[in-house]
N, C-alpha and C. Protein backbone atom coordinates (compact mmCIF):
# COMPACT_ATOMS: atom_id res chain seq x y z
N MET A 1 14.87 -5.38 11.30
CA MET A 1 14.07 -4.44 10.53
C MET A 1 14.59 -3.03 10.82
N SER A 2 14.79 -2.27 9.76
CA SER A 2 15.33 -0.91 9.90
C SER A 2 14.28 0.01 10.53
N PRO A 3 14.74 1.11 11.14
CA PRO A 3 13.78 2.05 11.73
C PRO A 3 12.81 2.62 10.69
N GLU A 4 13.30 2.84 9.47
CA GLU A 4 12.43 3.36 8.40
C GLU A 4 11.33 2.36 8.04
N THR A 5 11.73 1.08 7.95
CA THR A 5 10.76 0.02 7.63
C THR A 5 9.73 -0.09 8.75
N GLN A 6 10.20 -0.05 9.98
CA GLN A 6 9.30 -0.12 11.13
C GLN A 6 8.30 1.04 11.10
N LYS A 7 8.79 2.24 10.76
CA LYS A 7 7.93 3.42 10.70
C LYS A 7 6.85 3.26 9.63
N ILE A 8 7.23 2.69 8.48
CA ILE A 8 6.26 2.50 7.40
C ILE A 8 5.16 1.53 7.85
N TYR A 9 5.56 0.43 8.46
CA TYR A 9 4.55 -0.51 8.95
C TYR A 9 3.69 0.12 10.04
N SER A 10 4.28 0.96 10.86
CA SER A 10 3.49 1.67 11.90
C SER A 10 2.48 2.60 11.25
N LEU A 11 2.89 3.30 10.20
CA LEU A 11 1.95 4.18 9.48
C LEU A 11 0.82 3.39 8.82
N ILE A 12 1.12 2.20 8.33
CA ILE A 12 0.07 1.34 7.78
C ILE A 12 -0.88 0.93 8.90
N GLY A 13 -0.35 0.63 10.07
CA GLY A 13 -1.18 0.28 11.22
C GLY A 13 -2.07 1.44 11.63
N ILE A 14 -1.53 2.65 11.62
CA ILE A 14 -2.33 3.84 11.94
C ILE A 14 -3.45 4.02 10.92
N ALA A 15 -3.11 3.83 9.63
CA ALA A 15 -4.12 3.95 8.57
C ALA A 15 -5.23 2.91 8.78
N ARG A 16 -4.84 1.70 9.17
CA ARG A 16 -5.85 0.64 9.41
C ARG A 16 -6.76 1.02 10.56
N LYS A 17 -6.17 1.48 11.65
CA LYS A 17 -6.97 1.80 12.83
C LYS A 17 -7.91 2.99 12.59
N SER A 18 -7.53 3.87 11.66
CA SER A 18 -8.36 5.04 11.37
C SER A 18 -9.22 4.82 10.12
N ASN A 19 -9.30 3.56 9.67
CA ASN A 19 -10.10 3.20 8.49
C ASN A 19 -9.71 3.99 7.25
N ASN A 20 -8.40 4.21 7.07
CA ASN A 20 -7.88 4.94 5.91
C ASN A 20 -7.05 4.06 4.99
N VAL A 21 -7.33 2.77 5.02
CA VAL A 21 -6.63 1.85 4.13
C VAL A 21 -7.55 0.68 3.82
N VAL A 22 -7.45 0.19 2.59
CA VAL A 22 -8.15 -1.04 2.21
C VAL A 22 -7.11 -2.01 1.68
N SER A 23 -7.41 -3.30 1.78
CA SER A 23 -6.45 -4.29 1.35
C SER A 23 -7.11 -5.34 0.48
N GLY A 24 -6.26 -6.06 -0.23
CA GLY A 24 -6.73 -7.08 -1.15
C GLY A 24 -6.86 -6.49 -2.54
N GLU A 25 -6.68 -7.32 -3.53
CA GLU A 25 -6.66 -6.83 -4.90
C GLU A 25 -7.96 -6.17 -5.32
N PHE A 26 -9.09 -6.76 -4.98
CA PHE A 26 -10.37 -6.21 -5.42
C PHE A 26 -10.64 -4.84 -4.80
N LYS A 27 -10.46 -4.74 -3.46
CA LYS A 27 -10.72 -3.47 -2.78
C LYS A 27 -9.71 -2.40 -3.17
N THR A 28 -8.47 -2.79 -3.39
CA THR A 28 -7.45 -1.82 -3.81
C THR A 28 -7.80 -1.29 -5.19
N GLU A 29 -8.15 -2.18 -6.09
CA GLU A 29 -8.55 -1.77 -7.45
C GLU A 29 -9.76 -0.83 -7.41
N LYS A 30 -10.74 -1.16 -6.59
CA LYS A 30 -11.94 -0.32 -6.49
C LYS A 30 -11.58 1.07 -5.96
N ALA A 31 -10.69 1.14 -4.96
CA ALA A 31 -10.28 2.44 -4.41
C ALA A 31 -9.58 3.29 -5.48
N VAL A 32 -8.77 2.65 -6.30
CA VAL A 32 -8.08 3.39 -7.37
C VAL A 32 -9.09 3.91 -8.38
N LYS A 33 -9.97 3.03 -8.82
CA LYS A 33 -10.94 3.41 -9.87
C LYS A 33 -11.97 4.41 -9.36
N ASP A 34 -12.26 4.38 -8.07
CA ASP A 34 -13.19 5.36 -7.47
C ASP A 34 -12.50 6.66 -7.08
N LYS A 35 -11.20 6.75 -7.40
CA LYS A 35 -10.38 7.94 -7.10
C LYS A 35 -10.29 8.24 -5.61
N LYS A 36 -10.29 7.19 -4.79
CA LYS A 36 -10.17 7.34 -3.34
C LYS A 36 -8.76 7.03 -2.84
N ALA A 37 -7.98 6.35 -3.65
CA ALA A 37 -6.63 5.93 -3.24
C ALA A 37 -5.65 7.09 -3.36
N ALA A 38 -4.90 7.34 -2.28
CA ALA A 38 -3.83 8.35 -2.33
C ALA A 38 -2.48 7.69 -2.61
N LEU A 39 -2.40 6.38 -2.35
CA LEU A 39 -1.17 5.62 -2.57
C LEU A 39 -1.53 4.14 -2.62
N VAL A 40 -0.89 3.45 -3.56
CA VAL A 40 -1.03 1.98 -3.62
C VAL A 40 0.30 1.37 -3.23
N ILE A 41 0.23 0.39 -2.33
CA ILE A 41 1.42 -0.35 -1.92
C ILE A 41 1.24 -1.79 -2.39
N VAL A 42 2.21 -2.27 -3.16
CA VAL A 42 2.18 -3.66 -3.64
C VAL A 42 3.40 -4.37 -3.05
N ALA A 43 3.17 -5.56 -2.51
CA ALA A 43 4.26 -6.34 -1.92
C ALA A 43 5.31 -6.68 -2.97
N GLU A 44 6.56 -6.63 -2.56
CA GLU A 44 7.66 -6.94 -3.47
C GLU A 44 7.61 -8.39 -3.97
N ASP A 45 7.01 -9.26 -3.18
CA ASP A 45 6.92 -10.68 -3.59
C ASP A 45 5.56 -11.01 -4.25
N ALA A 46 4.82 -9.98 -4.65
CA ALA A 46 3.58 -10.21 -5.40
C ALA A 46 3.95 -10.75 -6.78
N SER A 47 3.00 -11.39 -7.43
CA SER A 47 3.28 -11.96 -8.75
C SER A 47 3.55 -10.84 -9.76
N ASP A 48 4.30 -11.18 -10.79
CA ASP A 48 4.60 -10.21 -11.84
C ASP A 48 3.32 -9.66 -12.47
N ASN A 49 2.32 -10.52 -12.60
CA ASN A 49 1.04 -10.11 -13.16
C ASN A 49 0.35 -9.06 -12.28
N THR A 50 0.37 -9.30 -10.98
CA THR A 50 -0.23 -8.36 -10.02
C THR A 50 0.50 -7.01 -10.10
N LYS A 51 1.84 -7.06 -10.12
CA LYS A 51 2.62 -5.83 -10.18
C LYS A 51 2.30 -5.06 -11.46
N LYS A 52 2.22 -5.78 -12.58
CA LYS A 52 1.94 -5.13 -13.87
C LYS A 52 0.54 -4.52 -13.88
N ASN A 53 -0.44 -5.29 -13.40
CA ASN A 53 -1.82 -4.78 -13.39
C ASN A 53 -1.94 -3.50 -12.57
N PHE A 54 -1.35 -3.48 -11.37
CA PHE A 54 -1.46 -2.30 -10.53
C PHE A 54 -0.64 -1.15 -11.06
N THR A 55 0.52 -1.45 -11.65
CA THR A 55 1.34 -0.38 -12.24
C THR A 55 0.57 0.29 -13.38
N ASP A 56 -0.01 -0.52 -14.25
CA ASP A 56 -0.79 0.03 -15.40
C ASP A 56 -1.98 0.83 -14.89
N MET A 57 -2.71 0.29 -13.94
CA MET A 57 -3.90 0.96 -13.40
C MET A 57 -3.54 2.28 -12.72
N CYS A 58 -2.50 2.23 -11.90
CA CYS A 58 -2.11 3.46 -11.18
C CYS A 58 -1.57 4.52 -12.13
N THR A 59 -0.89 4.10 -13.18
CA THR A 59 -0.42 5.06 -14.19
C THR A 59 -1.63 5.71 -14.86
N TYR A 60 -2.60 4.91 -15.24
CA TYR A 60 -3.80 5.41 -15.93
C TYR A 60 -4.59 6.38 -15.04
N TYR A 61 -4.74 6.03 -13.77
CA TYR A 61 -5.54 6.85 -12.84
C TYR A 61 -4.70 7.89 -12.08
N ASN A 62 -3.40 7.94 -12.40
CA ASN A 62 -2.48 8.92 -11.79
C ASN A 62 -2.44 8.80 -10.28
N VAL A 63 -2.25 7.56 -9.80
CA VAL A 63 -2.14 7.29 -8.37
C VAL A 63 -0.70 6.79 -8.11
N PRO A 64 -0.02 7.36 -7.13
CA PRO A 64 1.34 6.87 -6.82
C PRO A 64 1.30 5.40 -6.40
N ILE A 65 2.33 4.66 -6.82
CA ILE A 65 2.44 3.26 -6.45
C ILE A 65 3.86 3.00 -5.97
N VAL A 66 3.97 2.17 -4.93
CA VAL A 66 5.28 1.76 -4.42
C VAL A 66 5.28 0.25 -4.21
N PHE A 67 6.46 -0.33 -4.31
CA PHE A 67 6.63 -1.75 -4.05
C PHE A 67 7.41 -1.83 -2.75
N PHE A 68 6.76 -2.42 -1.74
CA PHE A 68 7.35 -2.43 -0.39
C PHE A 68 6.92 -3.66 0.36
N GLY A 69 7.85 -4.23 1.12
CA GLY A 69 7.54 -5.33 2.00
C GLY A 69 7.21 -6.63 1.31
N VAL A 70 6.79 -7.58 2.10
CA VAL A 70 6.37 -8.87 1.58
C VAL A 70 4.93 -9.11 2.02
N LYS A 71 4.26 -10.00 1.32
CA LYS A 71 2.83 -10.23 1.55
C LYS A 71 2.52 -10.59 2.99
N SER A 72 3.35 -11.43 3.59
CA SER A 72 3.06 -11.86 4.97
C SER A 72 3.19 -10.68 5.94
N GLU A 73 4.17 -9.82 5.77
CA GLU A 73 4.34 -8.68 6.66
C GLU A 73 3.22 -7.65 6.44
N LEU A 74 2.89 -7.37 5.19
CA LEU A 74 1.79 -6.44 4.93
C LEU A 74 0.50 -6.96 5.55
N GLY A 75 0.27 -8.26 5.40
CA GLY A 75 -0.91 -8.88 6.01
C GLY A 75 -0.89 -8.77 7.52
N HIS A 76 0.26 -9.04 8.11
CA HIS A 76 0.39 -8.97 9.57
C HIS A 76 0.04 -7.56 10.08
N TRP A 77 0.61 -6.55 9.47
CA TRP A 77 0.37 -5.19 9.92
C TRP A 77 -1.04 -4.71 9.59
N PHE A 78 -1.67 -5.40 8.65
CA PHE A 78 -3.06 -5.04 8.34
C PHE A 78 -4.02 -5.87 9.19
N GLY A 79 -3.52 -6.87 9.88
CA GLY A 79 -4.38 -7.70 10.72
C GLY A 79 -4.98 -8.88 10.00
N LYS A 80 -4.37 -9.26 8.88
CA LYS A 80 -4.84 -10.41 8.09
C LYS A 80 -3.64 -11.35 7.90
N GLU A 81 -3.87 -12.43 7.15
CA GLU A 81 -2.77 -13.37 6.91
C GLU A 81 -1.78 -12.83 5.89
N VAL A 82 -2.16 -12.77 4.65
CA VAL A 82 -1.28 -12.22 3.60
C VAL A 82 -2.05 -11.19 2.79
N ARG A 83 -1.36 -10.17 2.36
CA ARG A 83 -1.94 -9.14 1.51
C ARG A 83 -0.89 -8.74 0.47
N ALA A 84 -1.28 -8.80 -0.80
CA ALA A 84 -0.36 -8.42 -1.87
C ALA A 84 -0.47 -6.94 -2.18
N SER A 85 -1.61 -6.34 -1.82
CA SER A 85 -1.80 -4.91 -2.16
C SER A 85 -2.63 -4.20 -1.11
N LEU A 86 -2.32 -2.92 -0.96
CA LEU A 86 -3.05 -2.03 -0.05
C LEU A 86 -3.26 -0.71 -0.78
N ALA A 87 -4.34 -0.03 -0.45
CA ALA A 87 -4.55 1.35 -0.93
C ALA A 87 -4.72 2.22 0.30
N VAL A 88 -3.84 3.21 0.44
CA VAL A 88 -3.93 4.18 1.52
C VAL A 88 -4.86 5.29 1.02
N LEU A 89 -5.90 5.59 1.80
CA LEU A 89 -6.92 6.54 1.38
C LEU A 89 -6.65 7.96 1.86
N ASP A 90 -5.85 8.11 2.90
CA ASP A 90 -5.57 9.42 3.46
C ASP A 90 -4.30 10.00 2.84
N LYS A 91 -4.39 11.21 2.28
CA LYS A 91 -3.25 11.83 1.61
C LYS A 91 -2.09 12.08 2.57
N GLY A 92 -2.38 12.53 3.78
CA GLY A 92 -1.33 12.80 4.75
C GLY A 92 -0.54 11.55 5.11
N LEU A 93 -1.25 10.46 5.36
CA LEU A 93 -0.58 9.19 5.67
C LEU A 93 0.19 8.69 4.47
N ALA A 94 -0.38 8.84 3.28
CA ALA A 94 0.30 8.39 2.05
C ALA A 94 1.59 9.17 1.88
N ASP A 95 1.55 10.48 2.08
CA ASP A 95 2.75 11.30 1.96
C ASP A 95 3.81 10.91 2.98
N ALA A 96 3.38 10.59 4.20
CA ALA A 96 4.30 10.19 5.26
C ALA A 96 5.00 8.86 4.90
N ILE A 97 4.26 7.95 4.32
CA ILE A 97 4.83 6.65 3.89
C ILE A 97 5.86 6.87 2.79
N VAL A 98 5.50 7.68 1.79
CA VAL A 98 6.43 7.96 0.69
C VAL A 98 7.68 8.64 1.21
N LYS A 99 7.53 9.56 2.15
CA LYS A 99 8.69 10.23 2.74
C LYS A 99 9.62 9.23 3.42
N GLN A 100 9.04 8.29 4.18
CA GLN A 100 9.87 7.27 4.83
C GLN A 100 10.57 6.37 3.82
N LEU A 101 9.88 6.05 2.72
CA LEU A 101 10.48 5.20 1.68
C LEU A 101 11.69 5.90 1.05
N ARG A 102 11.61 7.22 0.91
CA ARG A 102 12.74 7.96 0.34
C ARG A 102 13.96 7.95 1.26
N LEU A 103 13.75 7.75 2.55
CA LEU A 103 14.86 7.71 3.50
C LEU A 103 15.60 6.37 3.49
N MET A 104 14.99 5.39 2.88
CA MET A 104 15.58 4.04 2.86
C MET A 104 16.69 3.93 1.81
């Protein structure tokens, strides 16, 4: 795992510990629609339908979206089994994740 990838997962872990992230399709969708999401992360191995739904929703609500990691890793760092989507609620953490993604 690259240092950049490790840093992103660490930032997700920090967001989880500080209650600044929600996971799962329903909670991620609710965070976007309630205008609480600063960033949506969708696993690269999520279904095409999931990717399309979140892309369309995030475009409509003007929320940044990135495709990163795989469901099992996102779930592991979130403390669950598998997660196809996460919504980062803190703008500072969201910006830090996007910055790390640009370094990759």
